[in-house]
């Protein structure tokens, strides 16, 4: 008499575990790479927002005082989760992200940018 057997054999379970192990070995490094790239993109966005803020503040200073030739705010500028500084030396404006979320570090590539306003 044969009984109706249900369930998986040991070989089937091992095959599934091997496949899951291979998928995990491929997916985990890609996840960490995506995390690093998304953090760099967030910092790049903050730098672009600082650049836009610097340009807007310079334009406002020109409207208030048409003879102004340089402009750099003295207090840190906050853009989203980040804050940064804007400096102006000889017509070259540099924006730099100086603080951010818990994962942020000042060593992240692309945390500053220099440009001219005029």
PDB file of N, CA and C in Angstrom:
ATOM      1  N   UNK A   1       0.819  -1.170   0.000  1.00  0.00           N
ATOM      2  CA  UNK A   1       0.000   0.000   0.000  1.00  0.00           C
ATOM      3  C   UNK A   1       0.874   1.248   0.000  1.00  0.00           C
ATOM      4  N   UNK A   2       0.594   2.115  -0.901  1.00  0.00           N
ATOM      5  CA  UNK A   2       1.304   3.386  -0.959  1.00  0.00           C
ATOM      6  C   UNK A   2       0.445   4.461  -0.316  1.00  0.00           C
ATOM      7  N   UNK A   3       1.117   5.183   0.567  1.00  0.00           N
ATOM      8  CA  UNK A   3       0.403   6.316   1.156  1.00  0.00           C
ATOM      9  C   UNK A   3       0.658   7.545   0.303  1.00  0.00           C
ATOM     10  N   UNK A   4      -0.268   8.450   0.309  1.00  0.00           N
ATOM     11  CA  UNK A   4      -0.113   9.700  -0.432  1.00  0.00           C
ATOM     12  C   UNK A   4       0.885  10.570   0.332  1.00  0.00           C
ATOM     13  N   UNK A   5       2.106  10.728  -0.221  1.00  0.00           N
ATOM     14  CA  UNK A   5       3.142  11.495   0.459  1.00  0.00           C
ATOM     15  C   UNK A   5       3.121  12.928  -0.039  1.00  0.00           C
ATOM     16  N   UNK A   6       3.242  13.854   0.912  1.00  0.00           N
ATOM     17  CA  UNK A   6       3.244  15.271   0.574  1.00  0.00           C
ATOM     18  C   UNK A   6       4.504  15.883   1.149  1.00  0.00           C
ATOM     19  N   UNK A   7       4.991  16.950   0.506  1.00  0.00           N
ATOM     20  CA  UNK A   7       6.169  17.646   1.004  1.00  0.00           C
ATOM     21  C   UNK A   7       7.274  17.656  -0.040  1.00  0.00           C
ATOM     22  N   UNK A   8       8.412  18.210   0.371  1.00  0.00           N
ATOM     23  CA  UNK A   8       9.546  18.343  -0.529  1.00  0.00           C
ATOM     24  C   UNK A   8      10.630  17.364  -0.119  1.00  0.00           C
ATOM     25  N   UNK A   9      11.390  16.937  -1.088  1.00  0.00           N
ATOM     26  CA  UNK A   9      12.530  16.077  -0.776  1.00  0.00           C
ATOM     27  C   UNK A   9      13.694  16.948  -0.333  1.00  0.00           C
ATOM     28  N   UNK A  10      14.675  16.341   0.284  1.00  0.00           N
ATOM     29  CA  UNK A  10      15.847  17.062   0.763  1.00  0.00           C
ATOM     30  C   UNK A  10      16.585  17.713  -0.404  1.00  0.00           C
ATOM     31  N   UNK A  11      16.656  17.052  -1.521  1.00  0.00           N
ATOM     32  CA  UNK A  11      17.346  17.599  -2.695  1.00  0.00           C
ATOM     33  C   UNK A  11      16.635  18.846  -3.207  1.00  0.00           C
ATOM     34  N   UNK A  12      15.333  18.859  -3.220  1.00  0.00           N
ATOM     35  CA  UNK A  12      14.589  20.043  -3.660  1.00  0.00           C
ATOM     36  C   UNK A  12      14.838  21.225  -2.725  1.00  0.00           C
ATOM     37  N   UNK A  13      14.864  20.967  -1.439  1.00  0.00           N
ATOM     38  CA  UNK A  13      15.116  22.045  -0.476  1.00  0.00           C
ATOM     39  C   UNK A  13      16.527  22.590  -0.640  1.00  0.00           C
ATOM     40  N   UNK A  14      17.502  21.720  -0.812  1.00  0.00           N
ATOM     41  CA  UNK A  14      18.889  22.169  -1.005  1.00  0.00           C
ATOM     42  C   UNK A  14      19.014  22.970  -2.297  1.00  0.00           C
ATOM     43  N   UNK A  15      18.353  22.548  -3.358  1.00  0.00           N
ATOM     44  CA  UNK A  15      18.409  23.284  -4.630  1.00  0.00           C
ATOM     45  C   UNK A  15      17.838  24.691  -4.462  1.00  0.00           C
ATOM     46  N   UNK A  16      16.747  24.817  -3.748  1.00  0.00           N
ATOM     47  CA  UNK A  16      16.152  26.134  -3.513  1.00  0.00           C
ATOM     48  C   UNK A  16      17.094  27.001  -2.684  1.00  0.00           C
ATOM     49  N   UNK A  17      17.716  26.437  -1.662  1.00  0.00           N
ATOM     50  CA  UNK A  17      18.654  27.197  -0.831  1.00  0.00           C
ATOM     51  C   UNK A  17      19.872  27.659  -1.631  1.00  0.00           C
ATOM     52  N   UNK A  18      20.365  26.819  -2.522  1.00  0.00           N
ATOM     53  CA  UNK A  18      21.501  27.207  -3.370  1.00  0.00           C
ATOM     54  C   UNK A  18      21.100  28.360  -4.284  1.00  0.00           C
ATOM     55  N   UNK A  19      19.946  28.284  -4.877  1.00  0.00           N
ATOM     56  CA  UNK A  19      19.474  29.362  -5.756  1.00  0.00           C
ATOM     57  C   UNK A  19      19.302  30.655  -4.967  1.00  0.00           C
ATOM     58  N   UNK A  20      18.720  30.589  -3.780  1.00  0.00           N
ATOM     59  CA  UNK A  20      18.568  31.785  -2.947  1.00  0.00           C
ATOM     60  C   UNK A  20      19.921  32.354  -2.539  1.00  0.00           C
ATOM     61  N   UNK A  21      20.880  31.494  -2.249  1.00  0.00           N
ATOM     62  CA  UNK A  21      22.228  31.960  -1.904  1.00  0.00           C
ATOM     63  C   UNK A  21      22.888  32.692  -3.054  1.00  0.00           C
ATOM     64  N   UNK A  22      22.735  32.175  -4.260  1.00  0.00           N
ATOM     65  CA  UNK A  22      23.310  32.834  -5.442  1.00  0.00           C
ATOM     66  C   UNK A  22      22.639  34.184  -5.669  1.00  0.00           C
ATOM     67  N   UNK A  23      21.328  34.237  -5.566  1.00  0.00           N
ATOM     68  CA  UNK A  23      20.617  35.508  -5.736  1.00  0.00           C
ATOM     69  C   UNK A  23      21.043  36.523  -4.683  1.00  0.00           C
ATOM     70  N   UNK A  24      21.209  36.085  -3.444  1.00  0.00           N
ATOM     71  CA  UNK A  24      21.632  36.998  -2.380  1.00  0.00           C
ATOM     72  C   UNK A  24      23.049  37.502  -2.626  1.00  0.00           C
ATOM     73  N   UNK A  25      23.924  36.643  -3.114  1.00  0.00           N
ATOM     74  CA  UNK A  25      25.308  37.055  -3.377  1.00  0.00           C
ATOM     75  C   UNK A  25      25.377  38.098  -4.482  1.00  0.00           C
ATOM     76  N   UNK A  26      24.441  38.071  -5.405  1.00  0.00           N
ATOM     77  CA  UNK A  26      24.424  39.049  -6.496  1.00  0.00           C
ATOM     78  C   UNK A  26      23.690  40.317  -6.077  1.00  0.00           C
ATOM     79  N   UNK A  27      22.605  40.200  -5.344  1.00  0.00           N
ATOM     80  CA  UNK A  27      21.755  41.352  -5.030  1.00  0.00           C
ATOM     81  C   UNK A  27      22.333  42.250  -3.944  1.00  0.00           C
ATOM     82  N   UNK A  28      22.975  41.708  -2.939  1.00  0.00           N
ATOM     83  CA  UNK A  28      23.459  42.520  -1.819  1.00  0.00           C
ATOM     84  C   UNK A  28      24.494  43.549  -2.257  1.00  0.00           C
ATOM     85  N   UNK A  29      25.529  43.192  -3.029  1.00  0.00           N
ATOM     86  CA  UNK A  29      26.477  44.236  -3.471  1.00  0.00           C
ATOM     87  C   UNK A  29      25.814  45.317  -4.323  1.00  0.00           C
ATOM     88  N   UNK A  30      24.854  44.938  -5.146  1.00  0.00           N
ATOM     89  CA  UNK A  30      24.160  45.937  -5.961  1.00  0.00           C
ATOM     90  C   UNK A  30      23.365  46.891  -5.079  1.00  0.00           C
ATOM     91  N   UNK A  31      22.797  46.396  -3.997  1.00  0.00           N
ATOM     92  CA  UNK A  31      22.044  47.250  -3.079  1.00  0.00           C
ATOM     93  C   UNK A  31      22.960  48.289  -2.446  1.00  0.00           C
ATOM     94  N   UNK A  32      24.126  47.873  -1.976  1.00  0.00           N
ATOM     95  CA  UNK A  32      25.043  48.822  -1.348  1.00  0.00           C
ATOM     96  C   UNK A  32      25.557  49.835  -2.355  1.00  0.00           C
ATOM     97  N   UNK A  33      25.772  49.413  -3.596  1.00  0.00           N
ATOM     98  CA  UNK A  33      26.199  50.339  -4.641  1.00  0.00           C
ATOM     99  C   UNK A  33      25.097  51.356  -4.927  1.00  0.00           C
ATOM    100  N   UNK A  34      23.846  50.908  -4.951  1.00  0.00           N
ATOM    101  CA  UNK A  34      22.724  51.826  -5.171  1.00  0.00           C
ATOM    102  C   UNK A  34      22.617  52.831  -4.036  1.00  0.00           C
ATOM    103  N   UNK A  35      22.874  52.389  -2.813  1.00  0.00           N
ATOM    104  CA  UNK A  35      22.792  53.276  -1.659  1.00  0.00           C
ATOM    105  C   UNK A  35      23.843  54.379  -1.769  1.00  0.00           C
ATOM    106  N   UNK A  36      25.062  54.031  -2.138  1.00  0.00           N
ATOM    107  CA  UNK A  36      26.127  55.024  -2.291  1.00  0.00           C
ATOM    108  C   UNK A  36      25.790  56.013  -3.394  1.00  0.00           C
ATOM    109  N   UNK A  37      25.298  55.506  -4.522  1.00  0.00           N
ATOM    110  CA  UNK A  37      24.946  56.395  -5.634  1.00  0.00           C
ATOM    111  C   UNK A  37      23.798  57.329  -5.261  1.00  0.00           C
ATOM    112  N   UNK A  38      22.824  56.833  -4.520  1.00  0.00           N
ATOM    113  CA  UNK A  38      21.702  57.696  -4.134  1.00  0.00           C
ATOM    114  C   UNK A  38      22.157  58.776  -3.157  1.00  0.00           C
ATOM    115  N   UNK A  39      23.104  58.449  -2.287  1.00  0.00           N
ATOM    116  CA  UNK A  39      23.637  59.456  -1.368  1.00  0.00           C
ATOM    117  C   UNK A  39      24.408  60.527  -2.133  1.00  0.00           C
ATOM    118  N   UNK A  40      25.208  60.109  -3.126  1.00  0.00           N
ATOM    119  CA  UNK A  40      25.932  61.084  -3.938  1.00  0.00           C
ATOM    120  C   UNK A  40      24.964  61.959  -4.728  1.00  0.00           C
ATOM    121  N   UNK A  41      23.881  61.370  -5.211  1.00  0.00           N
ATOM    122  CA  UNK A  41      22.877  62.155  -5.933  1.00  0.00           C
ATOM    123  C   UNK A  41      22.200  63.164  -5.011  1.00  0.00           C
ATOM    124  N   UNK A  42      21.941  62.777  -3.776  1.00  0.00           N
ATOM    125  CA  UNK A  42      21.331  63.704  -2.821  1.00  0.00           C
ATOM    126  C   UNK A  42      22.259  64.879  -2.538  1.00  0.00           C
ATOM    127  N   UNK A  43      23.556  64.605  -2.403  1.00  0.00           N
ATOM    128  CA  UNK A  43      24.523  65.682  -2.162  1.00  0.00           C
ATOM    129  C   UNK A  43      24.622  66.580  -3.391  1.00  0.00           C
ATOM    130  N   UNK A  44      24.614  65.991  -4.587  1.00  0.00           N
ATOM    131  CA  UNK A  44      24.649  66.797  -5.812  1.00  0.00           C
ATOM    132  C   UNK A  44      23.425  67.698  -5.904  1.00  0.00           C
ATOM    133  N   UNK A  45      22.277  67.174  -5.515  1.00  0.00           N
ATOM    134  CA  UNK A  45      21.063  67.987  -5.499  1.00  0.00           C
ATOM    135  C   UNK A  45      21.157  69.128  -4.504  1.00  0.00           C
ATOM    136  N   UNK A  46      21.759  68.863  -3.347  1.00  0.00           N
ATOM    137  CA  UNK A  46      21.933  69.921  -2.346  1.00  0.00           C
ATOM    138  C   UNK A  46      22.883  70.996  -2.855  1.00  0.00           C
ATOM    139  N   UNK A  47      23.948  70.589  -3.546  1.00  0.00           N
ATOM    140  CA  UNK A  47      24.888  71.567  -4.118  1.00  0.00           C
ATOM    141  C   UNK A  47      24.177  72.421  -5.162  1.00  0.00           C
ATOM    142  N   UNK A  48      23.355  71.796  -6.004  1.00  0.00           N
ATOM    143  CA  UNK A  48      22.605  72.550  -7.012  1.00  0.00           C
ATOM    144  C   UNK A  48      21.625  73.520  -6.349  1.00  0.00           C
ATOM    145  N   UNK A  49      20.995  73.091  -5.260  1.00  0.00           N
ATOM    146  CA  UNK A  49      20.079  73.983  -4.539  1.00  0.00           C
ATOM    147  C   UNK A  49      20.836  75.149  -3.919  1.00  0.00           C
ATOM    148  N   UNK A  50      22.029  74.888  -3.395  1.00  0.00           N
ATOM    149  CA  UNK A  50      22.854  75.974  -2.852  1.00  0.00           C
ATOM    150  C   UNK A  50      23.265  76.947  -3.952  1.00  0.00           C
ATOM    151  N   UNK A  51      23.604  76.408  -5.124  1.00  0.00           N
ATOM    152  CA  UNK A  51      23.974  77.269  -6.249  1.00  0.00           C
ATOM    153  C   UNK A  51      22.794  78.148  -6.646  1.00  0.00           C
ATOM    154  N   UNK A  52      21.620  77.574  -6.709  1.00  0.00           N
ATOM    155  CA  UNK A  52      20.423  78.339  -7.044  1.00  0.00           C
ATOM    156  C   UNK A  52      20.143  79.402  -5.988  1.00  0.00           C
ATOM    157  N   UNK A  53      20.305  79.036  -4.720  1.00  0.00           N
ATOM    158  CA  UNK A  53      20.097  79.992  -3.632  1.00  0.00           C
ATOM    159  C   UNK A  53      21.083  81.148  -3.725  1.00  0.00           C
ATOM    160  N   UNK A  54      22.341  80.834  -4.012  1.00  0.00           N
ATOM    161  CA  UNK A  54      23.358  81.886  -4.141  1.00  0.00           C
ATOM    162  C   UNK A  54      23.008  82.834  -5.275  1.00  0.00           C
ATOM    163  N   UNK A  55      22.565  82.289  -6.397  1.00  0.00           N
ATOM    164  CA  UNK A  55      22.195  83.118  -7.541  1.00  0.00           C
ATOM    165  C   UNK A  55      20.989  83.999  -7.210  1.00  0.00           C
ATOM    166  N   UNK A  56      19.986  83.422  -6.553  1.00  0.00           N
ATOM    167  CA  UNK A  56      18.800  84.197  -6.178  1.00  0.00           C
ATOM    168  C   UNK A  56      19.138  85.300  -5.183  1.00  0.00           C
ATOM    169  N   UNK A  57      19.982  84.988  -4.211  1.00  0.00           N
ATOM    170  CA  UNK A  57      20.337  85.999  -3.219  1.00  0.00           C
ATOM    171  C   UNK A  57      21.177  87.112  -3.842  1.00  0.00           C
ATOM    172  N   UNK A  58      22.038  86.764  -4.783  1.00  0.00           N
ATOM    173  CA  UNK A  58      22.820  87.791  -5.471  1.00  0.00           C
ATOM    174  C   UNK A  58      21.897  88.689  -6.296  1.00  0.00           C
ATOM    175  N   UNK A  59      20.923  88.077  -6.975  1.00  0.00           N
ATOM    176  CA  UNK A  59      19.966  88.866  -7.756  1.00  0.00           C
ATOM    177  C   UNK A  59      19.165  89.800  -6.848  1.00  0.00           C
ATOM    178  N   UNK A  60      18.768  89.311  -5.681  1.00  0.00           N
ATOM    179  CA  UNK A  60      18.037  90.154  -4.733  1.00  0.00           C
ATOM    180  C   UNK A  60      18.920  91.293  -4.236  1.00  0.00           C
ATOM    181  N   UNK A  61      20.192  91.011  -3.989  1.00  0.00           N
ATOM    182  CA  UNK A  61      21.121  92.062  -3.552  1.00  0.00           C
ATOM    183  C   UNK A  61      21.299  93.108  -4.648  1.00  0.00           C
ATOM    184  N   UNK A  62      21.322  92.679  -5.916  1.00  0.00           N
ATOM    185  CA  UNK A  62      21.422  93.625  -7.037  1.00  0.00           C
ATOM    186  C   UNK A  62      20.187  94.514  -7.127  1.00  0.00           C
ATOM    187  N   UNK A  63      19.014  93.933  -6.863  1.00  0.00           N
ATOM    188  CA  UNK A  63      17.793  94.735  -6.890  1.00  0.00           C
ATOM    189  C   UNK A  63      17.790  95.774  -5.774  1.00  0.00           C
ATOM    190  N   UNK A  64      18.283  95.381  -4.613  1.00  0.00           N
ATOM    191  CA  UNK A  64      18.311  96.297  -3.470  1.00  0.00           C
ATOM    192  C   UNK A  64      19.406  97.349  -3.598  1.00  0.00           C
ATOM    193  N   UNK A  65      20.561  96.945  -4.122  1.00  0.00           N
ATOM    194  CA  UNK A  65      21.707  97.848  -4.263  1.00  0.00           C
ATOM    195  C   UNK A  65      22.333  97.597  -5.632  1.00  0.00           C
ATOM    196  N   UNK A  66      21.968  98.359  -6.652  1.00  0.00           N
ATOM    197  CA  UNK A  66      22.452  98.089  -8.009  1.00  0.00           C
ATOM    198  C   UNK A  66      23.975  98.129  -8.158  1.00  0.00           C
ATOM    199  N   UNK A  67      24.671  98.792  -7.262  1.00  0.00           N
ATOM    200  CA  UNK A  67      26.124  98.890  -7.409  1.00  0.00           C
ATOM    201  C   UNK A  67      26.876  97.753  -6.717  1.00  0.00           C
ATOM    202  N   UNK A  68      26.162  96.777  -6.153  1.00  0.00           N
ATOM    203  CA  UNK A  68      26.842  95.685  -5.457  1.00  0.00           C
ATOM    204  C   UNK A  68      27.680  94.879  -6.454  1.00  0.00           C
ATOM    205  N   UNK A  69      28.897  94.532  -6.064  1.00  0.00           N
ATOM    206  CA  UNK A  69      29.773  93.761  -6.954  1.00  0.00           C
ATOM    207  C   UNK A  69      30.035  92.362  -6.432  1.00  0.00           C
ATOM    208  N   UNK A  70      29.967  92.178  -5.132  1.00  0.00           N
ATOM    209  CA  UNK A  70      30.142  90.836  -4.571  1.00  0.00           C
ATOM    210  C   UNK A  70      29.058  90.599  -3.535  1.00  0.00           C
ATOM    211  N   UNK A  71      28.759  89.343  -3.330  1.00  0.00           N
ATOM    212  CA  UNK A  71      27.765  89.008  -2.320  1.00  0.00           C
ATOM    213  C   UNK A  71      28.060  87.616  -1.791  1.00  0.00           C
ATOM    214  N   UNK A  72      28.106  87.482  -0.499  1.00  0.00           N
ATOM    215  CA  UNK A  72      28.224  86.179   0.153  1.00  0.00           C
ATOM    216  C   UNK A  72      27.540  86.270   1.510  1.00  0.00           C
ATOM    217  N   UNK A  73      26.545  85.440   1.756  1.00  0.00           N
ATOM    218  CA  UNK A  73      25.863  85.480   3.046  1.00  0.00           C
ATOM    219  C   UNK A  73      26.800  85.058   4.175  1.00  0.00           C
ATOM    220  N   UNK A  74      26.541  85.567   5.354  1.00  0.00           N
ATOM    221  CA  UNK A  74      27.409  85.252   6.489  1.00  0.00           C
ATOM    222  C   UNK A  74      26.917  84.057   7.294  1.00  0.00           C
ATOM    223  N   UNK A  75      25.653  83.712   7.176  1.00  0.00           N
ATOM    224  CA  UNK A  75      25.128  82.574   7.937  1.00  0.00           C
ATOM    225  C   UNK A  75      24.950  81.367   7.024  1.00  0.00           C
ATOM    226  N   UNK A  76      24.992  80.150   7.586  1.00  0.00           N
ATOM    227  CA  UNK A  76      24.789  78.954   6.767  1.00  0.00           C
ATOM    228  C   UNK A  76      23.407  78.954   6.105  1.00  0.00           C
ATOM    229  N   UNK A  77      23.340  78.396   4.929  1.00  0.00           N
ATOM    230  CA  UNK A  77      22.094  78.296   4.172  1.00  0.00           C
ATOM    231  C   UNK A  77      21.560  76.871   4.339  1.00  0.00           C
ATOM    232  N   UNK A  78      20.276  76.726   4.639  1.00  0.00           N
ATOM    233  CA  UNK A  78      19.668  75.414   4.811  1.00  0.00           C
ATOM    234  C   UNK A  78      18.843  75.093   3.575  1.00  0.00           C
ATOM    235  N   UNK A  79      19.125  73.926   2.984  1.00  0.00           N
ATOM    236  CA  UNK A  79      18.359  73.440   1.832  1.00  0.00           C
ATOM    237  C   UNK A  79      17.977  71.986   2.128  1.00  0.00           C
ATOM    238  N   UNK A  80      16.725  71.777   2.457  1.00  0.00           N
ATOM    239  CA  UNK A  80      16.266  70.429   2.795  1.00  0.00           C
ATOM    240  C   UNK A  80      16.948  69.911   4.048  1.00  0.00           C
ATOM    241  N   UNK A  81      17.522  68.714   3.958  1.00  0.00           N
ATOM    242  CA  UNK A  81      18.230  68.107   5.086  1.00  0.00           C
ATOM    243  C   UNK A  81      19.668  68.586   5.194  1.00  0.00           C
ATOM    244  N   UNK A  82      20.105  69.397   4.272  1.00  0.00           N
ATOM    245  CA  UNK A  82      21.499  69.826   4.214  1.00  0.00           C
ATOM    246  C   UNK A  82      21.629  71.301   4.567  1.00  0.00           C
ATOM    247  N   UNK A  83      22.814  71.675   5.000  1.00  0.00           N
ATOM    248  CA  UNK A  83      23.134  73.093   5.144  1.00  0.00           C
ATOM    249  C   UNK A  83      24.515  73.303   4.553  1.00  0.00           C
ATOM    250  N   UNK A  84      24.759  74.517   4.116  1.00  0.00           N
ATOM    251  CA  UNK A  84      26.030  74.782   3.465  1.00  0.00           C
ATOM    252  C   UNK A  84      26.408  76.237   3.536  1.00  0.00           C
ATOM    253  N   UNK A  85      27.571  76.526   2.991  1.00  0.00           N
ATOM    254  CA  UNK A  85      28.083  77.888   2.986  1.00  0.00           C
ATOM    255  C   UNK A  85      28.271  78.355   1.555  1.00  0.00           C
ATOM    256  N   UNK A  86      28.208  79.660   1.403  1.00  0.00           N
ATOM    257  CA  UNK A  86      28.443  80.295   0.112  1.00  0.00           C
ATOM    258  C   UNK A  86      29.545  81.315   0.333  1.00  0.00           C
ATOM    259  N   UNK A  87      30.644  81.185  -0.410  1.00  0.00           N
ATOM    260  CA  UNK A  87      31.738  82.151  -0.308  1.00  0.00           C
ATOM    261  C   UNK A  87      31.970  82.778  -1.671  1.00  0.00           C
ATOM    262  N   UNK A  88      32.488  83.998  -1.663  1.00  0.00           N
ATOM    263  CA  UNK A  88      32.726  84.727  -2.904  1.00  0.00           C
ATOM    264  C   UNK A  88      34.128  85.321  -2.820  1.00  0.00           C
ATOM    265  N   UNK A  89      34.987  84.925  -3.742  1.00  0.00           N
ATOM    266  CA  UNK A  89      36.349  85.452  -3.777  1.00  0.00           C
ATOM    267  C   UNK A  89      36.686  85.828  -5.211  1.00  0.00           C
ATOM    268  N   UNK A  90      36.926  87.094  -5.433  1.00  0.00           N
ATOM    269  CA  UNK A  90      37.306  87.609  -6.752  1.00  0.00           C
ATOM    270  C   UNK A  90      36.306  87.215  -7.831  1.00  0.00           C
ATOM    271  N   UNK A  91      35.026  87.267  -7.502  1.00  0.00           N
ATOM    272  CA  UNK A  91      33.993  86.978  -8.486  1.00  0.00           C
ATOM    273  C   UNK A  91      33.683  85.504  -8.665  1.00  0.00           C
ATOM    274  N   UNK A  92      34.417  84.623  -7.991  1.00  0.00           N
ATOM    275  CA  UNK A  92      34.152  83.187  -8.080  1.00  0.00           C
ATOM    276  C   UNK A  92      33.424  82.763  -6.809  1.00  0.00           C
ATOM    277  N   UNK A  93      32.227  82.273  -6.996  1.00  0.00           N
ATOM    278  CA  UNK A  93      31.402  81.843  -5.869  1.00  0.00           C
ATOM    279  C   UNK A  93      31.600  80.346  -5.672  1.00  0.00           C
ATOM    280  N   UNK A  94      31.793  79.945  -4.429  1.00  0.00           N
ATOM    281  CA  UNK A  94      31.920  78.526  -4.098  1.00  0.00           C
ATOM    282  C   UNK A  94      30.831  78.167  -3.103  1.00  0.00           C
ATOM    283  N   UNK A  95      30.048  77.156  -3.453  1.00  0.00           N
ATOM    284  CA  UNK A  95      29.044  76.637  -2.528  1.00  0.00           C
ATOM    285  C   UNK A  95      29.551  75.287  -2.022  1.00  0.00           C
ATOM    286  N   UNK A  96      29.400  75.058  -0.724  1.00  0.00           N
ATOM    287  CA  UNK A  96      29.898  73.825  -0.117  1.00  0.00           C
ATOM    288  C   UNK A  96      28.881  73.323   0.898  1.00  0.00           C
ATOM    289  N   UNK A  97      28.536  72.045   0.793  1.00  0.00           N
ATOM    290  CA  UNK A  97      27.656  71.418   1.774  1.00  0.00           C
ATOM    291  C   UNK A  97      28.492  71.148   3.023  1.00  0.00           C
ATOM    292  N   UNK A  98      28.034  71.628   4.170  1.00  0.00           N
ATOM    293  CA  UNK A  98      28.805  71.475   5.406  1.00  0.00           C
ATOM    294  C   UNK A  98      28.148  70.560   6.434  1.00  0.00           C
ATOM    295  N   UNK A  99      26.876  70.260   6.283  1.00  0.00           N
ATOM    296  CA  UNK A  99      26.190  69.363   7.220  1.00  0.00           C
ATOM    297  C   UNK A  99      25.017  68.709   6.510  1.00  0.00           C
ATOM    298  N   UNK A 100      24.627  67.547   7.007  1.00  0.00           N
ATOM    299  CA  UNK A 100      23.526  66.836   6.377  1.00  0.00           C
ATOM    300  C   UNK A 100      22.971  65.749   7.272  1.00  0.00           C
ATOM    301  N   UNK A 101      22.243  64.789   6.678  1.00  0.00           N
ATOM    302  CA  UNK A 101      21.647  63.700   7.456  1.00  0.00           C
ATOM    303  C   UNK A 101      22.722  62.839   8.132  1.00  0.00           C
ATOM    304  N   UNK A 102      22.295  61.847   8.879  1.00  0.00           N
ATOM    305  CA  UNK A 102      23.226  61.026   9.659  1.00  0.00           C
ATOM    306  C   UNK A 102      24.247  60.293   8.788  1.00  0.00           C
ATOM    307  N   UNK A 103      23.914  59.940   7.557  1.00  0.00           N
ATOM    308  CA  UNK A 103      24.854  59.219   6.696  1.00  0.00           C
ATOM    309  C   UNK A 103      25.835  60.145   5.999  1.00  0.00           C
ATOM    310  N   UNK A 104      25.589  61.442   6.046  1.00  0.00           N
ATOM    311  CA  UNK A 104      26.402  62.397   5.296  1.00  0.00           C
ATOM    312  C   UNK A 104      27.797  62.508   5.890  1.00  0.00           C
ATOM    313  N   UNK A 105      28.792  62.630   5.008  1.00  0.00           N
ATOM    314  CA  UNK A 105      30.177  62.854   5.436  1.00  0.00           C
ATOM    315  C   UNK A 105      30.785  63.884   4.507  1.00  0.00           C
ATOM    316  N   UNK A 106      31.664  64.706   5.038  1.00  0.00           N
ATOM    317  CA  UNK A 106      32.257  65.773   4.225  1.00  0.00           C
ATOM    318  C   UNK A 106      33.176  65.227   3.145  1.00  0.00           C
ATOM    319  N   UNK A 107      33.462  63.932   3.183  1.00  0.00           N
ATOM    320  CA  UNK A 107      34.343  63.339   2.176  1.00  0.00           C
ATOM    321  C   UNK A 107      33.594  62.859   0.943  1.00  0.00           C
ATOM    322  N   UNK A 108      32.285  63.000   0.916  1.00  0.00           N
ATOM    323  CA  UNK A 108      31.507  62.569  -0.250  1.00  0.00           C
ATOM    324  C   UNK A 108      31.913  63.408  -1.455  1.00  0.00           C
ATOM    325  N   UNK A 109      32.172  62.734  -2.548  1.00  0.00           N
ATOM    326  CA  UNK A 109      32.606  63.412  -3.771  1.00  0.00           C
ATOM    327  C   UNK A 109      31.507  64.338  -4.258  1.00  0.00           C
ATOM    328  N   UNK A 110      31.882  65.537  -4.669  1.00  0.00           N
ATOM    329  CA  UNK A 110      30.924  66.471  -5.240  1.00  0.00           C
ATOM    330  C   UNK A 110      30.180  67.301  -4.218  1.00  0.00           C
ATOM    331  N   UNK A 111      30.772  67.523  -3.029  1.00  0.00           N
ATOM    332  CA  UNK A 111      30.053  68.295  -2.017  1.00  0.00           C
ATOM    333  C   UNK A 111      30.294  69.794  -2.139  1.00  0.00           C
ATOM    334  N   UNK A 112      30.967  70.230  -3.209  1.00  0.00           N
ATOM    335  CA  UNK A 112      31.147  71.671  -3.425  1.00  0.00           C
ATOM    336  C   UNK A 112      31.200  71.957  -4.925  1.00  0.00           C
ATOM    337  N   UNK A 113      30.991  73.239  -5.257  1.00  0.00           N
ATOM    338  CA  UNK A 113      31.021  73.656  -6.657  1.00  0.00           C
ATOM    339  C   UNK A 113      31.366  75.133  -6.711  1.00  0.00           C
ATOM    340  N   UNK A 114      32.199  75.499  -7.682  1.00  0.00           N
ATOM    341  CA  UNK A 114      32.552  76.904  -7.886  1.00  0.00           C
ATOM    342  C   UNK A 114      31.987  77.376  -9.218  1.00  0.00           C
ATOM    343  N   UNK A 115      31.551  78.643  -9.251  1.00  0.00           N
ATOM    344  CA  UNK A 115      30.993  79.217 -10.476  1.00  0.00           C
ATOM    345  C   UNK A 115      31.066  80.729 -10.370  1.00  0.00           C
ATOM    346  N   UNK A 116      30.819  81.410 -11.473  1.00  0.00           N
ATOM    347  CA  UNK A 116      30.807  82.876 -11.464  1.00  0.00           C
ATOM    348  C   UNK A 116      29.375  83.364 -11.624  1.00  0.00           C
ATOM    349  N   UNK A 117      29.063  84.441 -10.941  1.00  0.00           N
ATOM    350  CA  UNK A 117      27.718  85.018 -11.015  1.00  0.00           C
ATOM    351  C   UNK A 117      27.608  86.046 -12.131  1.00  0.00           C
ATOM    352  N   UNK A 118      28.700  86.691 -12.469  1.00  0.00           N
ATOM    353  CA  UNK A 118      28.647  87.782 -13.437  1.00  0.00           C
ATOM    354  C   UNK A 118      29.856  87.757 -14.317  1.00  0.00           C
TER     355      UNK A 118
END
